[in-house]
Structures are given as structure tokens and as C-alpha cells.
PDB file of N, CA and C in Angstrom:
ATOM      1  N   UNK A   1       3.819 174.514  17.075  1.00  0.00           N
ATOM      2  CA  UNK A   1       3.133 173.252  16.872  1.00  0.00           C
ATOM      3  C   UNK A   1       4.068 172.085  17.156  1.00  0.00           C
ATOM      4  N   UNK A   2       5.197 171.949  16.506  1.00  0.00           N
ATOM      5  CA  UNK A   2       6.129 170.876  16.777  1.00  0.00           C
ATOM      6  C   UNK A   2       6.070 169.759  15.751  1.00  0.00           C
ATOM      7  N   UNK A   3       6.602 168.610  16.158  1.00  0.00           N
ATOM      8  CA  UNK A   3       6.687 167.457  15.268  1.00  0.00           C
ATOM      9  C   UNK A   3       5.362 166.727  15.179  1.00  0.00           C
ATOM     10  N   UNK A   4       5.024 166.319  13.959  1.00  0.00           N
ATOM     11  CA  UNK A   4       3.823 165.530  13.697  1.00  0.00           C
ATOM     12  C   UNK A   4       4.236 164.352  12.823  1.00  0.00           C
ATOM     13  N   UNK A   5       3.840 163.155  13.236  1.00  0.00           N
ATOM     14  CA  UNK A   5       4.087 161.952  12.449  1.00  0.00           C
ATOM     15  C   UNK A   5       2.756 161.495  11.873  1.00  0.00           C
ATOM     16  N   UNK A   6       2.701 161.379  10.552  1.00  0.00           N
ATOM     17  CA  UNK A   6       1.528 160.803   9.895  1.00  0.00           C
ATOM     18  C   UNK A   6       1.800 159.313   9.763  1.00  0.00           C
ATOM     19  N   UNK A   7       0.894 158.523  10.308  1.00  0.00           N
ATOM     20  CA  UNK A   7       1.111 157.097  10.487  1.00  0.00           C
ATOM     21  C   UNK A   7      -0.187 156.366  10.187  1.00  0.00           C
ATOM     22  N   UNK A   8      -0.139 155.060  10.349  1.00  0.00           N
ATOM     23  CA  UNK A   8      -1.375 154.266  10.331  1.00  0.00           C
ATOM     24  C   UNK A   8      -1.172 153.033  11.190  1.00  0.00           C
ATOM     25  N   UNK A   9      -2.267 152.530  11.675  1.00  0.00           N
ATOM     26  CA  UNK A   9      -2.249 151.352  12.537  1.00  0.00           C
ATOM     27  C   UNK A   9      -1.619 150.169  11.801  1.00  0.00           C
ATOM     28  N   UNK A  10      -0.754 149.444  12.507  1.00  0.00           N
ATOM     29  CA  UNK A  10      -0.160 148.249  11.926  1.00  0.00           C
ATOM     30  C   UNK A  10       1.035 148.514  11.018  1.00  0.00           C
ATOM     31  N   UNK A  11       1.492 149.744  10.959  1.00  0.00           N
ATOM     32  CA  UNK A  11       2.614 150.113  10.090  1.00  0.00           C
ATOM     33  C   UNK A  11       3.922 149.974  10.879  1.00  0.00           C
ATOM     34  N   UNK A  12       4.667 148.920  10.579  1.00  0.00           N
ATOM     35  CA  UNK A  12       5.920 148.663  11.295  1.00  0.00           C
ATOM     36  C   UNK A  12       6.926 149.793  11.072  1.00  0.00           C
ATOM     37  N   UNK A  13       7.046 150.281   9.859  1.00  0.00           N
ATOM     38  CA  UNK A  13       7.986 151.374   9.582  1.00  0.00           C
ATOM     39  C   UNK A  13       7.616 152.632  10.364  1.00  0.00           C
ATOM     40  N   UNK A  14       6.326 152.847  10.548  1.00  0.00           N
ATOM     41  CA  UNK A  14       5.868 153.988  11.342  1.00  0.00           C
ATOM     42  C   UNK A  14       6.339 153.848  12.778  1.00  0.00           C
ATOM     43  N   UNK A  15       6.187 152.654  13.329  1.00  0.00           N
ATOM     44  CA  UNK A  15       6.609 152.408  14.706  1.00  0.00           C
ATOM     45  C   UNK A  15       8.109 152.633  14.866  1.00  0.00           C
ATOM     46  N   UNK A  16       8.896 152.171  13.895  1.00  0.00           N
ATOM     47  CA  UNK A  16      10.351 152.347  13.954  1.00  0.00           C
ATOM     48  C   UNK A  16      10.703 153.832  13.896  1.00  0.00           C
ATOM     49  N   UNK A  17      10.091 154.565  12.973  1.00  0.00           N
ATOM     50  CA  UNK A  17      10.379 156.000  12.857  1.00  0.00           C
ATOM     51  C   UNK A  17      10.028 156.722  14.150  1.00  0.00           C
ATOM     52  N   UNK A  18       8.895 156.412  14.747  1.00  0.00           N
ATOM     53  CA  UNK A  18       8.483 157.064  15.992  1.00  0.00           C
ATOM     54  C   UNK A  18       9.479 156.761  17.106  1.00  0.00           C
ATOM     55  N   UNK A  19       9.913 155.520  17.225  1.00  0.00           N
ATOM     56  CA  UNK A  19      10.905 155.157  18.248  1.00  0.00           C
ATOM     57  C   UNK A  19      12.195 155.948  18.045  1.00  0.00           C
ATOM     58  N   UNK A  20      12.659 156.027  16.806  1.00  0.00           N
ATOM     59  CA  UNK A  20      13.886 156.766  16.519  1.00  0.00           C
ATOM     60  C   UNK A  20      13.714 158.251  16.804  1.00  0.00           C
ATOM     61  N   UNK A  21      12.559 158.788  16.468  1.00  0.00           N
ATOM     62  CA  UNK A  21      12.290 160.200  16.734  1.00  0.00           C
ATOM     63  C   UNK A  21      12.299 160.471  18.235  1.00  0.00           C
ATOM     64  N   UNK A  22      11.675 159.601  19.007  1.00  0.00           N
ATOM     65  CA  UNK A  22      11.667 159.773  20.464  1.00  0.00           C
ATOM     66  C   UNK A  22      13.084 159.749  21.031  1.00  0.00           C
ATOM     67  N   UNK A  23      13.949 158.915  20.468  1.00  0.00           N
ATOM     68  CA  UNK A  23      15.354 158.898  20.891  1.00  0.00           C
ATOM     69  C   UNK A  23      16.006 160.253  20.632  1.00  0.00           C
ATOM     70  N   UNK A  24      15.754 160.816  19.470  1.00  0.00           N
ATOM     71  CA  UNK A  24      16.341 162.112  19.113  1.00  0.00           C
ATOM     72  C   UNK A  24      15.801 163.230  20.002  1.00  0.00           C
ATOM     73  N   UNK A  25      14.532 163.162  20.322  1.00  0.00           N
ATOM     74  CA  UNK A  25      13.914 164.219  21.128  1.00  0.00           C
ATOM     75  C   UNK A  25      14.319 164.119  22.596  1.00  0.00           C
ATOM     76  N   UNK A  26      14.705 162.941  23.033  1.00  0.00           N
ATOM     77  CA  UNK A  26      15.207 162.712  24.403  1.00  0.00           C
ATOM     78  C   UNK A  26      14.345 163.394  25.464  1.00  0.00           C
ATOM     79  N   UNK A  27      13.034 163.308  25.299  1.00  0.00           N
ATOM     80  CA  UNK A  27      12.124 163.856  26.290  1.00  0.00           C
ATOM     81  C   UNK A  27      11.900 165.357  26.209  1.00  0.00           C
ATOM     82  N   UNK A  28      12.534 166.029  25.249  1.00  0.00           N
ATOM     83  CA  UNK A  28      12.390 167.486  25.149  1.00  0.00           C
ATOM     84  C   UNK A  28      11.005 167.890  24.659  1.00  0.00           C
ATOM     85  N   UNK A  29      10.355 167.026  23.927  1.00  0.00           N
ATOM     86  CA  UNK A  29       8.985 167.258  23.476  1.00  0.00           C
ATOM     87  C   UNK A  29       8.391 165.929  23.044  1.00  0.00           C
ATOM     88  N   UNK A  30       7.101 165.934  22.847  1.00  0.00           N
ATOM     89  CA  UNK A  30       6.392 164.721  22.457  1.00  0.00           C
ATOM     90  C   UNK A  30       5.754 164.969  21.094  1.00  0.00           C
ATOM     91  N   UNK A  31       6.059 164.139  20.098  1.00  0.00           N
ATOM     92  CA  UNK A  31       5.446 164.342  18.781  1.00  0.00           C
ATOM     93  C   UNK A  31       3.962 163.979  18.811  1.00  0.00           C
ATOM     94  N   UNK A  32       3.216 164.625  17.971  1.00  0.00           N
ATOM     95  CA  UNK A  32       1.816 164.248  17.768  1.00  0.00           C
ATOM     96  C   UNK A  32       1.795 163.177  16.686  1.00  0.00           C
ATOM     97  N   UNK A  33       1.101 162.083  16.935  1.00  0.00           N
ATOM     98  CA  UNK A  33       0.982 161.010  15.947  1.00  0.00           C
ATOM     99  C   UNK A  33      -0.438 161.035  15.416  1.00  0.00           C
ATOM    100  N   UNK A  34      -0.546 161.175  14.097  1.00  0.00           N
ATOM    101  CA  UNK A  34      -1.859 161.243  13.446  1.00  0.00           C
ATOM    102  C   UNK A  34      -2.081 160.008  12.583  1.00  0.00           C
ATOM    103  N   UNK A  35      -3.136 159.292  12.868  1.00  0.00           N
ATOM    104  CA  UNK A  35      -3.512 158.117  12.088  1.00  0.00           C
ATOM    105  C   UNK A  35      -4.209 158.610  10.821  1.00  0.00           C
ATOM    106  N   UNK A  36      -3.586 158.379   9.671  1.00  0.00           N
ATOM    107  CA  UNK A  36      -4.133 158.923   8.425  1.00  0.00           C
ATOM    108  C   UNK A  36      -5.481 158.316   8.060  1.00  0.00           C
ATOM    109  N   UNK A  37      -5.788 157.158   8.615  1.00  0.00           N
ATOM    110  CA  UNK A  37      -7.057 156.518   8.291  1.00  0.00           C
ATOM    111  C   UNK A  37      -8.237 157.103   9.057  1.00  0.00           C
ATOM    112  N   UNK A  38      -7.981 158.096   9.916  1.00  0.00           N
ATOM    113  CA  UNK A  38      -9.071 158.722  10.658  1.00  0.00           C
ATOM    114  C   UNK A  38      -9.630 159.946   9.943  1.00  0.00           C
ATOM    115  N   UNK A  39      -8.923 160.422   8.913  1.00  0.00           N
ATOM    116  CA  UNK A  39      -9.405 161.604   8.183  1.00  0.00           C
ATOM    117  C   UNK A  39      -9.159 161.410   6.689  1.00  0.00           C
ATOM    118  N   UNK A  40     -10.198 161.543   5.883  1.00  0.00           N
ATOM    119  CA  UNK A  40     -10.056 161.307   4.441  1.00  0.00           C
ATOM    120  C   UNK A  40      -8.977 162.159   3.782  1.00  0.00           C
ATOM    121  N   UNK A  41      -8.828 163.409   4.223  1.00  0.00           N
ATOM    122  CA  UNK A  41      -7.820 164.274   3.594  1.00  0.00           C
ATOM    123  C   UNK A  41      -6.396 163.817   3.898  1.00  0.00           C
ATOM    124  N   UNK A  42      -6.183 163.256   5.088  1.00  0.00           N
ATOM    125  CA  UNK A  42      -4.856 162.720   5.417  1.00  0.00           C
ATOM    126  C   UNK A  42      -4.600 161.443   4.620  1.00  0.00           C
ATOM    127  N   UNK A  43      -5.608 160.583   4.529  1.00  0.00           N
ATOM    128  CA  UNK A  43      -5.446 159.334   3.779  1.00  0.00           C
ATOM    129  C   UNK A  43      -5.155 159.635   2.319  1.00  0.00           C
ATOM    130  N   UNK A  44      -5.847 160.611   1.753  1.00  0.00           N
ATOM    131  CA  UNK A  44      -5.624 160.975   0.363  1.00  0.00           C
ATOM    132  C   UNK A  44      -4.208 161.529   0.158  1.00  0.00           C
ATOM    133  N   UNK A  45      -3.759 162.316   1.092  1.00  0.00           N
ATOM    134  CA  UNK A  45      -2.442 162.969   0.970  1.00  0.00           C
ATOM    135  C   UNK A  45      -1.274 162.009   1.219  1.00  0.00           C
ATOM    136  N   UNK A  46      -1.423 161.089   2.189  1.00  0.00           N
ATOM    137  CA  UNK A  46      -0.293 160.281   2.640  1.00  0.00           C
ATOM    138  C   UNK A  46      -0.432 158.776   2.434  1.00  0.00           C
ATOM    139  N   UNK A  47      -1.458 158.305   1.780  1.00  0.00           N
ATOM    140  CA  UNK A  47      -1.831 156.895   1.742  1.00  0.00           C
ATOM    141  C   UNK A  47      -0.652 155.924   1.654  1.00  0.00           C
ATOM    142  N   UNK A  48       0.156 155.994   0.638  1.00  0.00           N
ATOM    143  CA  UNK A  48       1.249 155.035   0.481  1.00  0.00           C
ATOM    144  C   UNK A  48       2.592 155.603   0.928  1.00  0.00           C
ATOM    145  N   UNK A  49       2.594 156.798   1.500  1.00  0.00           N
ATOM    146  CA  UNK A  49       3.850 157.451   1.889  1.00  0.00           C
ATOM    147  C   UNK A  49       4.205 157.296   3.356  1.00  0.00           C
ATOM    148  N   UNK A  50       3.307 156.803   4.196  1.00  0.00           N
ATOM    149  CA  UNK A  50       3.591 156.766   5.625  1.00  0.00           C
ATOM    150  C   UNK A  50       4.783 155.878   5.918  1.00  0.00           C
ATOM    151  N   UNK A  51       5.550 156.227   6.913  1.00  0.00           N
ATOM    152  CA  UNK A  51       5.410 157.377   7.795  1.00  0.00           C
ATOM    153  C   UNK A  51       5.987 158.645   7.176  1.00  0.00           C
ATOM    154  N   UNK A  52       5.377 159.763   7.544  1.00  0.00           N
ATOM    155  CA  UNK A  52       5.852 161.081   7.129  1.00  0.00           C
ATOM    156  C   UNK A  52       5.984 161.933   8.388  1.00  0.00           C
ATOM    157  N   UNK A  53       7.119 162.601   8.513  1.00  0.00           N
ATOM    158  CA  UNK A  53       7.371 163.485   9.647  1.00  0.00           C
ATOM    159  C   UNK A  53       7.365 164.924   9.166  1.00  0.00           C
ATOM    160  N   UNK A  54       6.594 165.756   9.861  1.00  0.00           N
ATOM    161  CA  UNK A  54       6.565 167.194   9.583  1.00  0.00           C
ATOM    162  C   UNK A  54       6.878 167.952  10.865  1.00  0.00           C
ATOM    163  N   UNK A  55       7.330 169.170  10.673  1.00  0.00           N
ATOM    164  CA  UNK A  55       7.546 170.084  11.801  1.00  0.00           C
ATOM    165  C   UNK A  55       6.938 171.416  11.405  1.00  0.00           C
ATOM    166  N   UNK A  56       5.986 171.888  12.190  1.00  0.00           N
ATOM    167  CA  UNK A  56       5.265 173.128  11.883  1.00  0.00           C
ATOM    168  C   UNK A  56       4.778 173.144  10.438  1.00  0.00           C
ATOM    169  N   UNK A  57       4.130 172.054  10.034  1.00  0.00           N
ATOM    170  CA  UNK A  57       3.519 171.896   8.709  1.00  0.00           C
ATOM    171  C   UNK A  57       4.518 171.858   7.558  1.00  0.00           C
ATOM    172  N   UNK A  58       5.785 171.603   7.845  1.00  0.00           N
ATOM    173  CA  UNK A  58       6.794 171.477   6.784  1.00  0.00           C
ATOM    174  C   UNK A  58       7.403 170.082   6.844  1.00  0.00           C
ATOM    175  N   UNK A  59       7.561 169.474   5.676  1.00  0.00           N
ATOM    176  CA  UNK A  59       8.125 168.133   5.582  1.00  0.00           C
ATOM    177  C   UNK A  59       9.523 168.111   6.166  1.00  0.00           C
ATOM    178  N   UNK A  60       9.816 167.077   6.938  1.00  0.00           N
ATOM    179  CA  UNK A  60      11.147 166.868   7.509  1.00  0.00           C
ATOM    180  C   UNK A  60      11.741 165.574   6.986  1.00  0.00           C
ATOM    181  N   UNK A  61      10.955 164.488   7.010  1.00  0.00           N
ATOM    182  CA  UNK A  61      11.515 163.184   6.655  1.00  0.00           C
ATOM    183  C   UNK A  61      10.403 162.187   6.374  1.00  0.00           C
ATOM    184  N   UNK A  62      10.723 161.235   5.516  1.00  0.00           N
ATOM    185  CA  UNK A  62       9.951 160.013   5.379  1.00  0.00           C
ATOM    186  C   UNK A  62      10.782 158.942   6.088  1.00  0.00           C
ATOM    187  N   UNK A  63      10.458 157.666   5.851  1.00  0.00           N
ATOM    188  CA  UNK A  63      11.279 156.588   6.389  1.00  0.00           C
ATOM    189  C   UNK A  63      12.403 156.318   5.407  1.00  0.00           C
ATOM    190  N   UNK A  64      13.623 156.146   5.864  1.00  0.00           N
ATOM    191  CA  UNK A  64      14.097 156.147   7.230  1.00  0.00           C
ATOM    192  C   UNK A  64      14.218 157.557   7.785  1.00  0.00           C
ATOM    193  N   UNK A  65      14.187 157.677   9.101  1.00  0.00           N
ATOM    194  CA  UNK A  65      14.241 158.977   9.751  1.00  0.00           C
ATOM    195  C   UNK A  65      15.550 159.688   9.421  1.00  0.00           C
ATOM    196  N   UNK A  66      15.438 160.917   9.006  1.00  0.00           N
ATOM    197  CA  UNK A  66      16.609 161.767   8.777  1.00  0.00           C
ATOM    198  C   UNK A  66      16.944 162.445  10.105  1.00  0.00           C
ATOM    199  N   UNK A  67      17.804 161.802  10.859  1.00  0.00           N
ATOM    200  CA  UNK A  67      18.140 162.289  12.201  1.00  0.00           C
ATOM    201  C   UNK A  67      18.783 163.675  12.154  1.00  0.00           C
ATOM    202  N   UNK A  68      19.597 163.936  11.159  1.00  0.00           N
ATOM    203  CA  UNK A  68      20.252 165.248  11.037  1.00  0.00           C
ATOM    204  C   UNK A  68      19.211 166.338  10.821  1.00  0.00           C
ATOM    205  N   UNK A  69      18.178 166.058  10.043  1.00  0.00           N
ATOM    206  CA  UNK A  69      17.117 167.043   9.811  1.00  0.00           C
ATOM    207  C   UNK A  69      16.358 167.323  11.103  1.00  0.00           C
ATOM    208  N   UNK A  70      16.133 166.294  11.906  1.00  0.00           N
ATOM    209  CA  UNK A  70      15.456 166.477  13.193  1.00  0.00           C
ATOM    210  C   UNK A  70      16.303 167.361  14.095  1.00  0.00           C
ATOM    211  N   UNK A  71      17.591 167.094  14.146  1.00  0.00           N
ATOM    212  CA  UNK A  71      18.490 167.905  14.989  1.00  0.00           C
ATOM    213  C   UNK A  71      18.510 169.359  14.544  1.00  0.00           C
ATOM    214  N   UNK A  72      18.516 169.580  13.229  1.00  0.00           N
ATOM    215  CA  UNK A  72      18.495 170.967  12.717  1.00  0.00           C
ATOM    216  C   UNK A  72      17.224 171.684  13.153  1.00  0.00           C
ATOM    217  N   UNK A  73      16.089 170.998  13.095  1.00  0.00           N
ATOM    218  CA  UNK A  73      14.816 171.608  13.540  1.00  0.00           C
ATOM    219  C   UNK A  73      14.865 171.947  15.018  1.00  0.00           C
ATOM    220  N   UNK A  74      15.426 171.050  15.803  1.00  0.00           N
ATOM    221  CA  UNK A  74      15.529 171.299  17.238  1.00  0.00           C
ATOM    222  C   UNK A  74      16.454 172.487  17.525  1.00  0.00           C
ATOM    223  N   UNK A  75      17.557 172.578  16.802  1.00  0.00           N
ATOM    224  CA  UNK A  75      18.485 173.701  16.996  1.00  0.00           C
ATOM    225  C   UNK A  75      17.809 175.026  16.622  1.00  0.00           C
ATOM    226  N   UNK A  76      17.079 175.036  15.510  1.00  0.00           N
ATOM    227  CA  UNK A  76      16.376 176.266  15.114  1.00  0.00           C
ATOM    228  C   UNK A  76      15.337 176.672  16.154  1.00  0.00           C
ATOM    229  N   UNK A  77      14.634 175.689  16.672  1.00  0.00           N
ATOM    230  CA  UNK A  77      13.592 175.965  17.667  1.00  0.00           C
ATOM    231  C   UNK A  77      14.196 176.510  18.966  1.00  0.00           C
ATOM    232  N   UNK A  78      15.413 176.061  19.269  1.00  0.00           N
ATOM    233  CA  UNK A  78      16.078 176.492  20.506  1.00  0.00           C
ATOM    234  C   UNK A  78      16.619 177.917  20.405  1.00  0.00           C
ATOM    235  N   UNK A  79      16.760 178.389  19.200  1.00  0.00           N
ATOM    236  CA  UNK A  79      17.190 179.764  19.127  1.00  0.00           C
ATOM    237  C   UNK A  79      18.229 180.062  18.142  1.00  0.00           C
TER     238      UNK A  79
END
């Protein structure tokens, strides 16, 4: 599955986290960005916590981005 960012429209911290994540990924993959306001279950789960980063349905980071955690996930995925 890969990286998923739970976000919402107009969230500046979400935009910053996504930009930082893209820097870490350096084109190796593209995260899926999910707007929590499009699904009631996401809004209920993440309402005041966005942005939230998960990898294969496991929490990785909130804001600020934990770059070391992202690198560890990438290393595990690579083998």
C-alpha cells in the first residue's frame, strides 16, 4: 500500500508535511493523500489530529514529520 497522509483542505501543516515527505521520498513513490472531510469515519478518527502519516495502515508520524521514521520505513520496504 505505501504512505498515506490524512489531511484536510486548507490545512497549512498538512501541506508542509506533504512537501517534506515528498523530499524524503525523492520520487521513489507517491503518497496517497486522503481528505478526512470526504468520509465520516476518517473525520471522526482524525478530526483535530491532521496531518497524520501512515504506512501500510500503521502510524508513522504526526506533524512535524518524523523524517527518521520515514527513512526506516523506506529501508524496510527495500529489503
